[in-house]
Amino acid sequence: ATPPARVAFTVEAALAAVEELGYPCVVKPTVGSWGRLVARLNDRDAAEAVLEHKMELGGMPHRVAYLQAHVDKPGRDLRAFVRGRAHRGGDRAPVRALD
């Protein structure tokens, strides 16, 4: 299932969305890959600091706050790739090296 998400265009609207989603939640860029500029918001202080900084970064893509409920992923990495109408997903788990 897709985690609940909200979109906001101001710091105030983003903070209201975070309160609605609950802590922790994450803010993601609307463009990009490899987890760049993804931030976990653990509390109100972190949310204010990250969202204020994000809105000052520059171009229009940075002025859009895409907020999503946090997904617990102990010991693994979940990824989704979309290109046009094609999409793929994956679940990666770390491998222990043997001595």
Protein backbone atom coordinates (compact mmCIF):
# COMPACT_ATOMS: atom_id res chain seq x y z
CA ALA A 1 0.00 0.00 0.00
CA THR A 2 1.11 3.54 -0.65
CA PRO A 3 1.80 5.54 2.52
CA PRO A 4 -0.44 8.56 3.16
CA ALA A 5 1.01 11.73 1.59
CA ARG A 6 0.32 15.46 1.36
CA VAL A 7 1.58 18.28 -0.87
CA ALA A 8 2.11 21.83 0.39
CA PHE A 9 3.45 25.05 -1.11
CA THR A 10 4.21 27.08 2.03
CA VAL A 11 5.98 26.32 5.30
CA GLU A 12 2.74 26.88 7.22
CA ALA A 13 0.75 24.50 5.02
CA ALA A 14 3.55 21.93 5.18
CA LEU A 15 3.64 22.07 8.99
CA ALA A 16 -0.13 21.56 9.10
CA ALA A 17 0.27 18.55 6.78
CA VAL A 18 3.01 17.11 9.01
CA GLU A 19 0.75 17.42 12.06
CA GLU A 20 -1.97 15.61 10.11
CA LEU A 21 0.38 12.79 9.03
CA GLY A 22 2.04 12.51 12.45
CA TYR A 23 5.67 12.06 13.46
CA PRO A 24 7.92 10.77 12.13
CA CYS A 25 7.24 11.59 8.51
CA VAL A 26 9.47 12.35 5.54
CA VAL A 27 9.76 15.23 3.11
CA LYS A 28 10.86 14.25 -0.39
CA PRO A 29 11.87 16.25 -3.45
CA THR A 30 9.48 16.27 -6.41
CA VAL A 31 12.40 15.50 -8.75
CA GLY A 32 15.55 13.47 -8.22
CA SER A 33 16.70 10.02 -7.26
CA TRP A 34 18.89 7.97 -4.92
CA GLY A 35 17.26 9.44 -1.83
CA ARG A 36 18.89 12.84 -2.29
CA LEU A 37 17.21 15.64 -0.33
CA VAL A 38 14.93 13.22 1.53
CA ALA A 39 14.67 14.16 5.20
CA ARG A 40 13.04 12.42 8.14
CA LEU A 41 11.07 14.79 10.35
CA ASN A 42 11.06 13.42 13.90
CA ASP A 43 9.45 16.38 15.68
CA ARG A 44 8.12 19.92 15.24
CA ASP A 45 11.56 21.55 15.63
CA ALA A 46 13.05 19.35 12.89
CA ALA A 47 10.05 19.95 10.64
CA GLU A 48 10.31 23.74 10.98
CA ALA A 49 14.07 23.77 10.34
CA VAL A 50 14.00 21.43 7.33
CA LEU A 51 10.92 22.96 5.70
CA GLU A 52 12.14 26.55 6.11
CA HIS A 53 15.50 25.58 4.59
CA LYS A 54 13.84 23.65 1.75
CA MET A 55 11.69 26.61 0.72
CA GLU A 56 14.83 28.79 0.48
CA LEU A 57 16.84 26.41 -1.74
CA GLY A 58 15.98 27.96 -5.06
CA GLY A 59 13.80 26.97 -7.98
CA MET A 60 10.16 26.01 -7.99
CA PRO A 61 10.71 22.25 -7.43
CA HIS A 62 12.18 23.08 -4.00
CA ARG A 63 9.15 25.17 -3.05
CA VAL A 64 6.91 22.10 -3.19
CA ALA A 65 6.83 20.04 0.00
CA TYR A 66 5.91 16.43 -0.77
CA LEU A 67 5.30 14.89 2.65
CA GLN A 68 4.75 11.21 3.33
CA ALA A 69 4.10 9.09 6.40
CA HIS A 70 7.26 7.30 7.52
CA VAL A 71 7.53 3.62 6.59
CA ASP A 72 9.44 1.47 9.06
CA LYS A 73 11.96 -0.60 7.12
CA PRO A 74 14.26 -2.28 9.62
CA GLY A 75 17.28 -3.73 7.86
CA ARG A 76 16.11 -3.22 4.29
CA ASP A 77 15.75 -0.66 1.52
CA LEU A 78 12.55 -0.29 -0.49
CA ARG A 79 12.77 1.32 -3.95
CA ALA A 80 10.30 2.11 -6.71
CA PHE A 81 11.15 3.21 -10.25
CA VAL A 82 8.68 4.75 -12.68
CA ARG A 83 9.30 5.55 -16.33
CA GLY A 84 6.24 6.53 -18.28
CA ARG A 85 3.70 3.79 -17.66
CA ALA A 86 6.27 1.18 -16.66
CA HIS A 87 7.17 0.70 -13.02
CA ARG A 88 9.36 -1.64 -11.01
CA GLY A 89 9.86 -2.14 -7.31
CA GLY A 90 12.49 -3.78 -5.22
CA ASP A 91 13.40 -4.79 -1.71
CA ARG A 92 17.09 -4.94 -0.84
CA ALA A 93 18.51 -6.47 2.30
CA PRO A 94 22.12 -6.21 3.49
CA VAL A 95 24.29 -9.32 3.16
CA ARG A 96 26.70 -10.28 5.92
CA ALA A 97 30.25 -10.98 4.86
CA LEU A 98 31.71 -14.18 6.25
CA ASP A 99 35.08 -14.07 8.00
